[in-house]
């Protein structure tokens, strides 16, 4: 892969990564709920999910989703349902890491796994992501060059850009922590994030597979 091709891919990926979506919203809400440091566990989970999505896209699932209405609808409903679940959970949450003391070691370990798992799930249940990888990657692949090497470089770049963008939003939320000292503001923030998750889930249900 030529350096100019990689730089173009990196620039495109950064623009996409900084565009607010389910993963960015999850990072921001986690930053308020469990603290900036541990919020990045969810972002690392999302990065792991990116590798899974990229791998299955390269294996041909993107083509299946683009041509099979049933497969697309099944994954779309699963992804939308999970976002709506996250929305309801966030709406009902009153957690605020900036006002509450840190939990015990066992609780932190359990919560860390859940944070990581939520990040993975948000990535792998989004059919739009799979179609995106299927459409984007071929544009940057060098014909005749080893496919696995290009897959690793492009996917790692995309995952790194995603984690970088999440870190930016997490730090932004941290900078606003004084605004979350008030319980009413925390409740309002959680309901705003929860409502947005639900809207994203409902919006996902409106996605349509593109034949051809």
N, C-alpha and C. Protein backbone atom coordinates (compact mmCIF):
# COMPACT_ATOMS: atom_id res chain seq x y z
N UNK A 1 0.83 -1.19 0.00
CA UNK A 1 0.00 0.00 0.00
C UNK A 1 0.88 1.25 0.00
N UNK A 2 0.58 2.18 -0.88
CA UNK A 2 1.33 3.42 -0.96
C UNK A 2 0.97 4.34 0.20
N UNK A 3 1.95 5.19 0.60
CA UNK A 3 1.73 6.11 1.71
C UNK A 3 0.59 7.08 1.41
N UNK A 4 0.50 7.54 0.19
CA UNK A 4 -0.56 8.50 -0.16
C UNK A 4 -1.94 7.85 -0.01
N UNK A 5 -2.04 6.57 -0.36
CA UNK A 5 -3.31 5.85 -0.21
C UNK A 5 -3.69 5.73 1.26
N UNK A 6 -2.69 5.39 2.09
CA UNK A 6 -2.95 5.25 3.52
C UNK A 6 -3.34 6.59 4.14
N UNK A 7 -2.68 7.67 3.74
CA UNK A 7 -3.01 9.00 4.27
C UNK A 7 -4.42 9.41 3.88
N UNK A 8 -4.82 9.09 2.66
CA UNK A 8 -6.18 9.41 2.22
C UNK A 8 -7.20 8.61 3.02
N UNK A 9 -6.89 7.34 3.26
CA UNK A 9 -7.77 6.49 4.05
C UNK A 9 -7.87 7.02 5.49
N UNK A 10 -6.72 7.42 6.06
CA UNK A 10 -6.70 7.94 7.43
C UNK A 10 -7.53 9.21 7.54
N UNK A 11 -7.39 10.10 6.58
CA UNK A 11 -8.18 11.34 6.60
C UNK A 11 -9.67 11.05 6.51
N UNK A 12 -10.05 10.13 5.63
CA UNK A 12 -11.45 9.76 5.49
C UNK A 12 -11.98 9.14 6.78
N UNK A 13 -11.16 8.28 7.38
CA UNK A 13 -11.55 7.60 8.61
C UNK A 13 -11.73 8.58 9.76
N UNK A 14 -10.83 9.56 9.88
CA UNK A 14 -10.94 10.55 10.95
C UNK A 14 -12.23 11.34 10.83
N UNK A 15 -12.60 11.71 9.61
CA UNK A 15 -13.85 12.45 9.41
C UNK A 15 -15.04 11.60 9.86
N UNK A 16 -15.00 10.32 9.51
CA UNK A 16 -16.09 9.42 9.89
C UNK A 16 -16.10 9.19 11.39
N UNK A 17 -14.91 8.99 11.98
CA UNK A 17 -14.80 8.68 13.41
C UNK A 17 -15.29 9.83 14.29
N UNK A 18 -15.07 11.06 13.85
CA UNK A 18 -15.47 12.21 14.66
C UNK A 18 -16.93 12.59 14.43
N UNK A 19 -17.59 11.91 13.50
CA UNK A 19 -19.02 12.15 13.31
C UNK A 19 -19.79 11.44 14.41
N UNK A 20 -20.56 12.16 15.22
CA UNK A 20 -21.29 11.51 16.33
C UNK A 20 -22.18 10.38 15.87
N UNK A 21 -22.11 9.27 16.57
CA UNK A 21 -22.93 8.10 16.29
C UNK A 21 -23.08 7.30 17.56
N UNK A 22 -23.59 6.07 17.47
CA UNK A 22 -23.80 5.25 18.67
C UNK A 22 -22.55 5.04 19.50
N UNK A 23 -21.39 4.79 18.87
CA UNK A 23 -20.16 4.54 19.62
C UNK A 23 -19.68 5.79 20.34
N UNK A 24 -19.77 6.94 19.68
CA UNK A 24 -19.37 8.21 20.30
C UNK A 24 -20.28 8.53 21.47
N UNK A 25 -21.57 8.35 21.26
CA UNK A 25 -22.53 8.62 22.33
C UNK A 25 -22.30 7.70 23.52
N UNK A 26 -21.97 6.44 23.25
CA UNK A 26 -21.69 5.49 24.33
C UNK A 26 -20.46 5.95 25.12
N UNK A 27 -19.44 6.43 24.42
CA UNK A 27 -18.23 6.91 25.11
C UNK A 27 -18.54 8.10 26.00
N UNK A 28 -19.36 9.03 25.53
CA UNK A 28 -19.69 10.21 26.32
C UNK A 28 -20.52 9.84 27.54
N UNK A 29 -21.52 9.00 27.34
CA UNK A 29 -22.38 8.61 28.47
C UNK A 29 -21.60 7.79 29.49
N UNK A 30 -20.68 6.94 29.02
CA UNK A 30 -19.84 6.18 29.95
C UNK A 30 -18.91 7.10 30.74
N UNK A 31 -18.45 8.16 30.08
CA UNK A 31 -17.57 9.10 30.77
C UNK A 31 -18.26 9.73 31.96
N UNK A 32 -19.54 10.04 31.81
CA UNK A 32 -20.29 10.64 32.91
C UNK A 32 -20.67 9.59 33.95
N UNK A 33 -21.00 8.38 33.49
CA UNK A 33 -21.50 7.35 34.40
C UNK A 33 -20.40 6.67 35.20
N UNK A 34 -19.26 6.37 34.57
CA UNK A 34 -18.22 5.60 35.25
C UNK A 34 -16.87 6.29 35.28
N UNK A 35 -16.76 7.47 34.69
CA UNK A 35 -15.50 8.19 34.71
C UNK A 35 -14.76 8.10 33.39
N UNK A 36 -13.95 9.11 33.07
CA UNK A 36 -13.25 9.16 31.77
C UNK A 36 -12.33 7.97 31.51
N UNK A 37 -11.54 7.57 32.54
CA UNK A 37 -10.59 6.49 32.33
C UNK A 37 -11.25 5.18 31.96
N UNK A 38 -12.25 4.80 32.72
CA UNK A 38 -12.92 3.52 32.48
C UNK A 38 -13.84 3.59 31.28
N UNK A 39 -14.24 4.80 30.88
CA UNK A 39 -15.08 4.93 29.69
C UNK A 39 -14.34 4.43 28.45
N UNK A 40 -13.01 4.54 28.47
CA UNK A 40 -12.23 4.10 27.32
C UNK A 40 -12.24 2.58 27.16
N UNK A 41 -12.64 1.85 28.22
CA UNK A 41 -12.79 0.39 28.08
C UNK A 41 -13.86 0.08 27.04
N UNK A 42 -14.92 0.85 27.06
CA UNK A 42 -15.96 0.67 26.05
C UNK A 42 -15.45 1.00 24.66
N UNK A 43 -14.57 2.01 24.56
CA UNK A 43 -14.00 2.37 23.27
C UNK A 43 -13.05 1.28 22.77
N UNK A 44 -12.31 0.66 23.69
CA UNK A 44 -11.45 -0.46 23.29
C UNK A 44 -12.29 -1.64 22.82
N UNK A 45 -13.43 -1.86 23.49
CA UNK A 45 -14.35 -2.90 23.05
C UNK A 45 -14.89 -2.59 21.66
N UNK A 46 -15.18 -1.32 21.42
CA UNK A 46 -15.66 -0.92 20.10
C UNK A 46 -14.59 -1.16 19.04
N UNK A 47 -13.31 -0.90 19.41
CA UNK A 47 -12.21 -1.15 18.48
C UNK A 47 -12.11 -2.63 18.16
N UNK A 48 -12.30 -3.48 19.18
CA UNK A 48 -12.29 -4.92 18.94
C UNK A 48 -13.45 -5.31 18.03
N UNK A 49 -14.60 -4.68 18.24
CA UNK A 49 -15.74 -4.94 17.38
C UNK A 49 -15.48 -4.52 15.95
N UNK A 50 -14.69 -3.45 15.77
CA UNK A 50 -14.33 -2.99 14.44
C UNK A 50 -13.57 -4.08 13.69
N UNK A 51 -12.66 -4.77 14.39
CA UNK A 51 -11.92 -5.86 13.75
C UNK A 51 -12.85 -6.99 13.35
N UNK A 52 -13.84 -7.26 14.19
CA UNK A 52 -14.79 -8.33 13.87
C UNK A 52 -15.61 -7.95 12.65
N UNK A 53 -16.13 -6.71 12.66
CA UNK A 53 -16.94 -6.23 11.54
C UNK A 53 -16.12 -6.22 10.26
N UNK A 54 -14.89 -5.75 10.35
CA UNK A 54 -14.03 -5.71 9.17
C UNK A 54 -13.76 -7.11 8.63
N UNK A 55 -13.52 -8.05 9.53
CA UNK A 55 -13.22 -9.42 9.12
C UNK A 55 -14.40 -10.06 8.41
N UNK A 56 -15.59 -9.92 9.00
CA UNK A 56 -16.76 -10.55 8.38
C UNK A 56 -17.13 -9.84 7.08
N UNK A 57 -16.84 -8.55 6.99
CA UNK A 57 -17.10 -7.83 5.74
C UNK A 57 -16.18 -8.34 4.65
N UNK A 58 -14.90 -8.52 5.01
CA UNK A 58 -13.94 -9.04 4.03
C UNK A 58 -14.30 -10.46 3.62
N UNK A 59 -14.94 -11.19 4.54
CA UNK A 59 -15.32 -12.57 4.25
C UNK A 59 -16.56 -12.66 3.38
N UNK A 60 -17.21 -11.54 3.16
CA UNK A 60 -18.34 -11.54 2.24
C UNK A 60 -19.69 -11.26 2.87
N UNK A 61 -19.74 -11.03 4.21
CA UNK A 61 -21.04 -10.78 4.82
C UNK A 61 -21.65 -9.48 4.31
N UNK A 62 -20.80 -8.53 3.97
CA UNK A 62 -21.33 -7.27 3.43
C UNK A 62 -22.12 -7.51 2.16
N UNK A 63 -21.62 -8.41 1.31
CA UNK A 63 -22.34 -8.74 0.07
C UNK A 63 -23.67 -9.41 0.39
N UNK A 64 -23.63 -10.30 1.40
CA UNK A 64 -24.86 -11.00 1.80
C UNK A 64 -25.91 -10.00 2.28
N UNK A 65 -25.48 -9.05 3.13
CA UNK A 65 -26.42 -8.07 3.66
C UNK A 65 -26.96 -7.16 2.56
N UNK A 66 -26.14 -6.90 1.57
CA UNK A 66 -26.56 -6.01 0.49
C UNK A 66 -27.53 -6.70 -0.47
N UNK A 67 -27.52 -8.03 -0.50
CA UNK A 67 -28.36 -8.76 -1.45
C UNK A 67 -29.47 -9.56 -0.80
N UNK A 68 -29.34 -9.86 0.50
CA UNK A 68 -30.36 -10.65 1.18
C UNK A 68 -31.16 -9.76 2.12
N UNK A 69 -32.43 -9.55 1.79
CA UNK A 69 -33.29 -8.70 2.61
C UNK A 69 -33.49 -9.29 3.99
N UNK A 70 -33.62 -10.61 4.06
CA UNK A 70 -33.87 -11.26 5.35
C UNK A 70 -32.68 -11.09 6.30
N UNK A 71 -31.46 -11.35 5.79
CA UNK A 71 -30.27 -11.21 6.63
C UNK A 71 -30.10 -9.78 7.10
N UNK A 72 -30.36 -8.83 6.22
CA UNK A 72 -30.23 -7.42 6.58
C UNK A 72 -31.23 -7.06 7.67
N UNK A 73 -32.47 -7.50 7.52
CA UNK A 73 -33.51 -7.15 8.50
C UNK A 73 -33.21 -7.75 9.87
N UNK A 74 -32.74 -9.00 9.88
CA UNK A 74 -32.43 -9.66 11.16
C UNK A 74 -31.36 -8.88 11.92
N UNK A 75 -30.25 -8.56 11.26
CA UNK A 75 -29.17 -7.84 11.93
C UNK A 75 -29.60 -6.42 12.28
N UNK A 76 -30.41 -5.82 11.43
CA UNK A 76 -30.90 -4.47 11.68
C UNK A 76 -31.75 -4.43 12.94
N UNK A 77 -32.64 -5.40 13.09
CA UNK A 77 -33.52 -5.44 14.27
C UNK A 77 -32.71 -5.71 15.53
N UNK A 78 -31.71 -6.60 15.44
CA UNK A 78 -30.86 -6.87 16.59
C UNK A 78 -30.11 -5.62 17.02
N UNK A 79 -29.53 -4.92 16.06
CA UNK A 79 -28.79 -3.71 16.37
C UNK A 79 -29.68 -2.61 16.93
N UNK A 80 -30.85 -2.43 16.32
CA UNK A 80 -31.77 -1.41 16.79
C UNK A 80 -32.27 -1.74 18.19
N UNK A 81 -32.57 -3.01 18.42
CA UNK A 81 -33.05 -3.42 19.74
C UNK A 81 -32.01 -3.18 20.82
N UNK A 82 -30.74 -3.42 20.48
CA UNK A 82 -29.69 -3.22 21.47
C UNK A 82 -29.52 -1.74 21.78
N UNK A 83 -29.59 -0.89 20.77
CA UNK A 83 -29.48 0.55 21.01
C UNK A 83 -30.64 1.06 21.86
N UNK A 84 -31.83 0.54 21.60
CA UNK A 84 -32.99 0.94 22.39
C UNK A 84 -32.83 0.47 23.82
N UNK A 85 -32.30 -0.74 24.00
CA UNK A 85 -32.03 -1.24 25.36
C UNK A 85 -31.05 -0.31 26.09
N UNK A 86 -29.96 0.07 25.40
CA UNK A 86 -29.00 0.99 26.02
C UNK A 86 -29.67 2.32 26.36
N UNK A 87 -30.57 2.76 25.49
CA UNK A 87 -31.26 4.03 25.73
C UNK A 87 -32.13 3.98 26.97
N UNK A 88 -32.90 2.92 27.11
CA UNK A 88 -33.77 2.77 28.29
C UNK A 88 -32.93 2.67 29.56
N UNK A 89 -31.82 1.92 29.47
CA UNK A 89 -30.94 1.77 30.64
C UNK A 89 -30.32 3.11 31.04
N UNK A 90 -29.90 3.89 30.02
CA UNK A 90 -29.31 5.19 30.31
C UNK A 90 -30.35 6.17 30.84
N UNK A 91 -31.55 6.11 30.30
CA UNK A 91 -32.64 7.00 30.73
C UNK A 91 -32.94 6.81 32.21
N UNK A 92 -32.92 5.55 32.63
CA UNK A 92 -33.27 5.24 34.02
C UNK A 92 -32.09 5.38 34.98
N UNK A 93 -30.88 5.58 34.43
CA UNK A 93 -29.69 5.65 35.27
C UNK A 93 -29.60 6.98 36.01
N UNK A 94 -29.05 6.91 37.22
CA UNK A 94 -28.79 8.13 37.99
C UNK A 94 -27.31 8.20 38.36
N UNK A 95 -26.48 7.34 37.72
CA UNK A 95 -25.06 7.25 38.05
C UNK A 95 -24.33 8.51 37.61
N UNK A 96 -23.38 8.92 38.44
CA UNK A 96 -22.53 10.07 38.14
C UNK A 96 -21.17 9.86 38.79
N UNK A 97 -20.17 9.51 38.00
CA UNK A 97 -18.85 9.21 38.54
C UNK A 97 -18.19 10.42 39.18
N UNK A 98 -18.62 11.63 38.81
CA UNK A 98 -18.01 12.84 39.34
C UNK A 98 -18.52 13.18 40.74
N UNK A 99 -19.62 12.53 41.13
CA UNK A 99 -20.18 12.81 42.45
C UNK A 99 -20.15 11.61 43.36
N UNK A 100 -20.03 10.40 42.78
CA UNK A 100 -20.08 9.17 43.58
C UNK A 100 -18.69 8.61 43.79
N UNK A 101 -18.40 7.97 44.94
CA UNK A 101 -17.10 7.36 45.16
C UNK A 101 -16.93 6.13 44.29
N UNK A 102 -15.66 5.77 44.06
CA UNK A 102 -15.38 4.61 43.22
C UNK A 102 -15.81 3.34 43.92
N UNK A 103 -16.21 2.34 43.12
CA UNK A 103 -16.68 1.09 43.68
C UNK A 103 -15.52 0.19 44.06
N UNK A 104 -15.85 -0.99 44.60
CA UNK A 104 -14.83 -1.95 45.03
C UNK A 104 -14.18 -2.63 43.85
N UNK A 105 -13.13 -3.39 44.16
CA UNK A 105 -12.37 -4.03 43.10
C UNK A 105 -13.20 -5.03 42.32
N UNK A 106 -14.00 -5.86 43.02
CA UNK A 106 -14.79 -6.87 42.33
C UNK A 106 -15.84 -6.24 41.44
N UNK A 107 -16.46 -5.15 41.96
CA UNK A 107 -17.49 -4.46 41.17
C UNK A 107 -16.86 -3.83 39.94
N UNK A 108 -15.67 -3.25 40.10
CA UNK A 108 -15.00 -2.62 38.97
C UNK A 108 -14.64 -3.65 37.90
N UNK A 109 -14.21 -4.86 38.35
CA UNK A 109 -13.85 -5.88 37.38
C UNK A 109 -15.07 -6.30 36.56
N UNK A 110 -16.19 -6.52 37.26
CA UNK A 110 -17.41 -6.93 36.57
C UNK A 110 -17.88 -5.83 35.62
N UNK A 111 -17.87 -4.60 36.09
CA UNK A 111 -18.32 -3.49 35.28
C UNK A 111 -17.41 -3.27 34.08
N UNK A 112 -16.12 -3.49 34.26
CA UNK A 112 -15.18 -3.32 33.16
C UNK A 112 -15.48 -4.27 32.01
N UNK A 113 -15.80 -5.51 32.33
CA UNK A 113 -16.17 -6.48 31.31
C UNK A 113 -17.44 -6.06 30.59
N UNK A 114 -18.39 -5.55 31.36
CA UNK A 114 -19.64 -5.09 30.75
C UNK A 114 -19.40 -3.90 29.84
N UNK A 115 -18.55 -2.95 30.27
CA UNK A 115 -18.23 -1.80 29.45
C UNK A 115 -17.60 -2.23 28.14
N UNK A 116 -16.63 -3.14 28.23
CA UNK A 116 -15.96 -3.65 27.04
C UNK A 116 -16.96 -4.37 26.13
N UNK A 117 -17.81 -5.18 26.75
CA UNK A 117 -18.81 -5.92 25.97
C UNK A 117 -19.81 -5.03 25.27
N UNK A 118 -20.23 -3.96 25.95
CA UNK A 118 -21.16 -3.02 25.31
C UNK A 118 -20.51 -2.39 24.08
N UNK A 119 -19.22 -2.05 24.20
CA UNK A 119 -18.53 -1.46 23.06
C UNK A 119 -18.47 -2.40 21.87
N UNK A 120 -18.17 -3.67 22.14
CA UNK A 120 -18.13 -4.68 21.08
C UNK A 120 -19.50 -4.83 20.43
N UNK A 121 -20.53 -4.92 21.26
CA UNK A 121 -21.88 -5.17 20.75
C UNK A 121 -22.38 -4.03 19.88
N UNK A 122 -22.11 -2.79 20.30
CA UNK A 122 -22.53 -1.64 19.50
C UNK A 122 -21.89 -1.69 18.12
N UNK A 123 -20.65 -2.14 18.04
CA UNK A 123 -19.95 -2.21 16.75
C UNK A 123 -20.49 -3.32 15.86
N UNK A 124 -20.69 -4.50 16.42
CA UNK A 124 -21.02 -5.67 15.58
C UNK A 124 -22.50 -5.79 15.24
N UNK A 125 -23.36 -5.02 15.90
CA UNK A 125 -24.80 -5.13 15.60
C UNK A 125 -25.29 -4.00 14.70
N UNK A 126 -24.37 -3.29 14.09
CA UNK A 126 -24.75 -2.20 13.19
C UNK A 126 -24.54 -2.62 11.74
N UNK A 127 -25.60 -2.97 11.02
CA UNK A 127 -25.44 -3.42 9.63
C UNK A 127 -24.87 -2.34 8.74
N UNK A 128 -25.09 -1.07 9.11
CA UNK A 128 -24.55 0.03 8.32
C UNK A 128 -23.02 0.00 8.35
N UNK A 129 -22.44 -0.42 9.48
CA UNK A 129 -20.98 -0.51 9.59
C UNK A 129 -20.44 -1.59 8.65
N UNK A 130 -21.12 -2.73 8.61
CA UNK A 130 -20.67 -3.81 7.74
C UNK A 130 -20.74 -3.40 6.28
N UNK A 131 -21.83 -2.75 5.89
CA UNK A 131 -21.95 -2.27 4.52
C UNK A 131 -20.91 -1.18 4.24
N UNK A 132 -20.61 -0.37 5.25
CA UNK A 132 -19.60 0.68 5.10
C UNK A 132 -18.22 0.07 4.83
N UNK A 133 -17.84 -0.93 5.62
CA UNK A 133 -16.55 -1.56 5.40
C UNK A 133 -16.50 -2.25 4.04
N UNK A 134 -17.60 -2.86 3.66
CA UNK A 134 -17.63 -3.55 2.37
C UNK A 134 -17.47 -2.57 1.21
N UNK A 135 -18.02 -1.37 1.38
CA UNK A 135 -17.95 -0.37 0.31
C UNK A 135 -16.65 0.42 0.33
N UNK A 136 -16.11 0.66 1.54
CA UNK A 136 -14.93 1.52 1.67
C UNK A 136 -13.63 0.80 1.37
N UNK A 137 -13.46 -0.38 1.96
CA UNK A 137 -12.17 -1.07 1.86
C UNK A 137 -11.72 -1.30 0.42
N UNK A 138 -12.61 -1.79 -0.48
CA UNK A 138 -12.15 -2.05 -1.84
C UNK A 138 -11.57 -0.82 -2.53
N UNK A 139 -11.99 0.37 -2.11
CA UNK A 139 -11.50 1.59 -2.75
C UNK A 139 -10.03 1.87 -2.42
N UNK A 140 -9.53 1.27 -1.33
CA UNK A 140 -8.17 1.55 -0.88
C UNK A 140 -7.25 0.32 -0.98
N UNK A 141 -7.76 -0.78 -1.46
CA UNK A 141 -6.94 -1.98 -1.60
C UNK A 141 -6.10 -1.90 -2.87
N UNK A 142 -4.85 -2.33 -2.76
CA UNK A 142 -3.93 -2.35 -3.90
C UNK A 142 -4.02 -3.70 -4.58
N UNK A 143 -4.44 -3.75 -5.84
CA UNK A 143 -4.56 -5.03 -6.54
C UNK A 143 -3.21 -5.75 -6.62
N UNK A 144 -3.22 -7.04 -6.34
CA UNK A 144 -2.02 -7.83 -6.43
C UNK A 144 -1.21 -7.89 -5.14
N UNK A 145 -1.46 -6.97 -4.22
CA UNK A 145 -0.74 -6.97 -2.95
C UNK A 145 -1.42 -7.94 -1.99
N UNK A 146 -0.67 -8.48 -0.99
CA UNK A 146 -1.26 -9.42 -0.02
C UNK A 146 -2.48 -8.82 0.67
N UNK A 147 -3.59 -9.54 0.65
CA UNK A 147 -4.84 -9.02 1.20
C UNK A 147 -4.79 -8.91 2.71
N UNK A 148 -4.23 -9.89 3.41
CA UNK A 148 -4.22 -9.89 4.86
C UNK A 148 -3.44 -8.71 5.43
N UNK A 149 -2.32 -8.39 4.80
CA UNK A 149 -1.53 -7.25 5.27
C UNK A 149 -2.29 -5.95 5.14
N UNK A 150 -2.98 -5.78 4.03
CA UNK A 150 -3.78 -4.57 3.82
C UNK A 150 -4.96 -4.53 4.79
N UNK A 151 -5.57 -5.68 5.01
CA UNK A 151 -6.68 -5.76 5.96
C UNK A 151 -6.23 -5.31 7.35
N UNK A 152 -5.07 -5.78 7.79
CA UNK A 152 -4.58 -5.44 9.12
C UNK A 152 -4.27 -3.95 9.22
N UNK A 153 -3.62 -3.39 8.20
CA UNK A 153 -3.25 -1.97 8.23
C UNK A 153 -4.49 -1.08 8.24
N UNK A 154 -5.43 -1.35 7.35
CA UNK A 154 -6.62 -0.51 7.25
C UNK A 154 -7.50 -0.63 8.49
N UNK A 155 -7.68 -1.86 8.97
CA UNK A 155 -8.54 -2.05 10.14
C UNK A 155 -7.92 -1.44 11.38
N UNK A 156 -6.61 -1.62 11.56
CA UNK A 156 -5.93 -1.03 12.71
C UNK A 156 -6.01 0.48 12.66
N UNK A 157 -5.87 1.05 11.48
CA UNK A 157 -5.98 2.50 11.33
C UNK A 157 -7.37 2.98 11.70
N UNK A 158 -8.38 2.27 11.23
CA UNK A 158 -9.75 2.66 11.53
C UNK A 158 -10.03 2.55 13.03
N UNK A 159 -9.59 1.46 13.64
CA UNK A 159 -9.80 1.27 15.08
C UNK A 159 -9.08 2.35 15.89
N UNK A 160 -7.84 2.68 15.50
CA UNK A 160 -7.08 3.70 16.21
C UNK A 160 -7.74 5.07 16.09
N UNK A 161 -8.24 5.39 14.91
CA UNK A 161 -8.94 6.67 14.72
C UNK A 161 -10.21 6.73 15.56
N UNK A 162 -10.89 5.60 15.69
CA UNK A 162 -12.11 5.55 16.50
C UNK A 162 -11.79 5.80 17.97
N UNK A 163 -10.75 5.11 18.48
CA UNK A 163 -10.35 5.30 19.88
C UNK A 163 -9.90 6.74 20.11
N UNK A 164 -9.18 7.30 19.16
CA UNK A 164 -8.73 8.69 19.28
C UNK A 164 -9.91 9.65 19.37
N UNK A 165 -10.90 9.45 18.51
CA UNK A 165 -12.07 10.34 18.54
C UNK A 165 -12.86 10.17 19.83
N UNK A 166 -12.97 8.94 20.33
CA UNK A 166 -13.67 8.71 21.58
C UNK A 166 -12.94 9.37 22.74
N UNK A 167 -11.60 9.31 22.70
CA UNK A 167 -10.81 9.97 23.73
C UNK A 167 -11.06 11.47 23.75
N UNK A 168 -11.20 12.05 22.58
CA UNK A 168 -11.50 13.49 22.48
C UNK A 168 -12.83 13.81 23.13
N UNK A 169 -13.86 13.02 22.82
CA UNK A 169 -15.19 13.28 23.38
C UNK A 169 -15.22 13.00 24.88
N UNK A 170 -14.49 11.98 25.32
CA UNK A 170 -14.43 11.66 26.75
C UNK A 170 -13.77 12.80 27.51
N UNK A 171 -12.67 13.33 26.98
CA UNK A 171 -12.01 14.46 27.63
C UNK A 171 -12.89 15.71 27.61
N UNK A 172 -13.66 15.86 26.54
CA UNK A 172 -14.58 16.99 26.47
C UNK A 172 -15.63 16.88 27.57
N UNK A 173 -16.15 15.66 27.76
CA UNK A 173 -17.12 15.45 28.84
C UNK A 173 -16.49 15.68 30.20
N UNK A 174 -15.22 15.27 30.32
CA UNK A 174 -14.52 15.49 31.59
C UNK A 174 -14.36 16.98 31.88
N UNK A 175 -14.08 17.76 30.85
CA UNK A 175 -13.95 19.19 31.02
C UNK A 175 -15.24 19.86 31.46
N UNK A 176 -16.34 19.17 31.23
CA UNK A 176 -17.65 19.72 31.62
C UNK A 176 -18.13 19.12 32.93
N UNK A 177 -17.23 18.49 33.68
CA UNK A 177 -17.66 17.76 34.87
C UNK A 177 -18.32 18.65 35.92
N UNK A 178 -17.94 19.91 35.99
CA UNK A 178 -18.57 20.80 36.96
C UNK A 178 -20.07 20.94 36.69
N UNK A 179 -20.41 20.83 35.44
CA UNK A 179 -21.83 20.92 35.12
C UNK A 179 -22.61 19.71 35.55
N UNK A 180 -21.90 18.60 35.88
CA UNK A 180 -22.57 17.37 36.29
C UNK A 180 -22.57 17.19 37.80
N UNK A 181 -22.18 18.25 38.54
CA UNK A 181 -22.20 18.16 40.00
C UNK A 181 -23.62 18.20 40.53
N UNK A 182 -24.52 18.76 39.73
CA UNK A 182 -25.92 18.86 40.12
C UNK A 182 -26.68 17.61 39.69
N UNK A 183 -27.41 17.00 40.63
CA UNK A 183 -28.12 15.75 40.34
C UNK A 183 -29.15 15.93 39.23
N UNK A 184 -29.79 17.08 39.18
CA UNK A 184 -30.80 17.31 38.15
C UNK A 184 -30.16 17.35 36.76
N UNK A 185 -28.97 17.95 36.68
CA UNK A 185 -28.29 18.01 35.40
C UNK A 185 -27.84 16.62 34.96
N UNK A 186 -27.40 15.81 35.92
CA UNK A 186 -27.01 14.43 35.60
C UNK A 186 -28.21 13.66 35.06
N UNK A 187 -29.35 13.81 35.73
CA UNK A 187 -30.57 13.13 35.29
C UNK A 187 -30.98 13.61 33.89
N UNK A 188 -30.85 14.91 33.66
CA UNK A 188 -31.20 15.45 32.35
C UNK A 188 -30.26 14.91 31.28
N UNK A 189 -28.95 14.84 31.61
CA UNK A 189 -27.97 14.32 30.66
C UNK A 189 -28.26 12.86 30.34
N UNK A 190 -28.52 12.07 31.37
CA UNK A 190 -28.80 10.65 31.14
C UNK A 190 -30.04 10.45 30.29
N UNK A 191 -31.04 11.28 30.52
CA UNK A 191 -32.26 11.15 29.72
C UNK A 191 -32.04 11.63 28.29
N UNK A 192 -31.19 12.65 28.13
CA UNK A 192 -30.88 13.13 26.78
C UNK A 192 -30.14 12.05 26.00
N UNK A 193 -29.11 11.45 26.65
CA UNK A 193 -28.36 10.37 26.00
C UNK A 193 -29.26 9.16 25.75
N UNK A 194 -30.09 8.81 26.75
CA UNK A 194 -30.99 7.67 26.59
C UNK A 194 -31.96 7.88 25.46
N UNK A 195 -32.53 9.08 25.38
CA UNK A 195 -33.46 9.37 24.30
C UNK A 195 -32.78 9.33 22.94
N UNK A 196 -31.53 9.79 22.89
CA UNK A 196 -30.79 9.77 21.63
C UNK A 196 -30.49 8.34 21.20
N UNK A 197 -30.11 7.49 22.15
CA UNK A 197 -29.89 6.07 21.84
C UNK A 197 -31.16 5.46 21.23
N UNK A 198 -32.30 5.75 21.85
CA UNK A 198 -33.57 5.21 21.35
C UNK A 198 -33.84 5.72 19.94
N UNK A 199 -33.60 7.01 19.71
CA UNK A 199 -33.82 7.57 18.38
C UNK A 199 -32.88 6.94 17.35
N UNK A 200 -31.62 6.70 17.75
CA UNK A 200 -30.69 6.03 16.84
C UNK A 200 -31.16 4.61 16.51
N UNK A 201 -31.69 3.93 17.54
CA UNK A 201 -32.22 2.59 17.31
C UNK A 201 -33.40 2.61 16.36
N UNK A 202 -34.32 3.55 16.58
CA UNK A 202 -35.47 3.67 15.69
C UNK A 202 -35.03 4.08 14.29
N UNK A 203 -33.99 4.94 14.23
CA UNK A 203 -33.46 5.33 12.92
C UNK A 203 -32.84 4.16 12.19
N UNK A 204 -32.20 3.26 12.94
CA UNK A 204 -31.60 2.08 12.32
C UNK A 204 -32.67 1.21 11.67
N UNK A 205 -33.85 1.17 12.28
CA UNK A 205 -34.93 0.37 11.72
C UNK A 205 -35.37 0.89 10.35
N UNK A 206 -35.02 2.15 10.06
CA UNK A 206 -35.39 2.73 8.78
C UNK A 206 -34.36 2.48 7.69
N UNK A 207 -33.21 1.87 8.09
CA UNK A 207 -32.19 1.56 7.09
C UNK A 207 -32.72 0.54 6.09
N UNK A 208 -32.33 0.72 4.86
CA UNK A 208 -32.75 -0.21 3.81
C UNK A 208 -31.53 -0.80 3.14
N UNK A 209 -31.62 -2.08 2.87
CA UNK A 209 -30.51 -2.74 2.14
C UNK A 209 -30.52 -2.26 0.70
N UNK A 210 -29.32 -2.09 0.16
CA UNK A 210 -29.17 -1.68 -1.24
C UNK A 210 -28.83 -2.87 -2.09
N UNK A 211 -29.71 -3.20 -2.98
CA UNK A 211 -29.47 -4.34 -3.85
C UNK A 211 -28.47 -3.97 -4.93
N UNK A 212 -27.76 -5.00 -5.40
CA UNK A 212 -26.82 -4.75 -6.49
C UNK A 212 -25.40 -4.76 -6.02
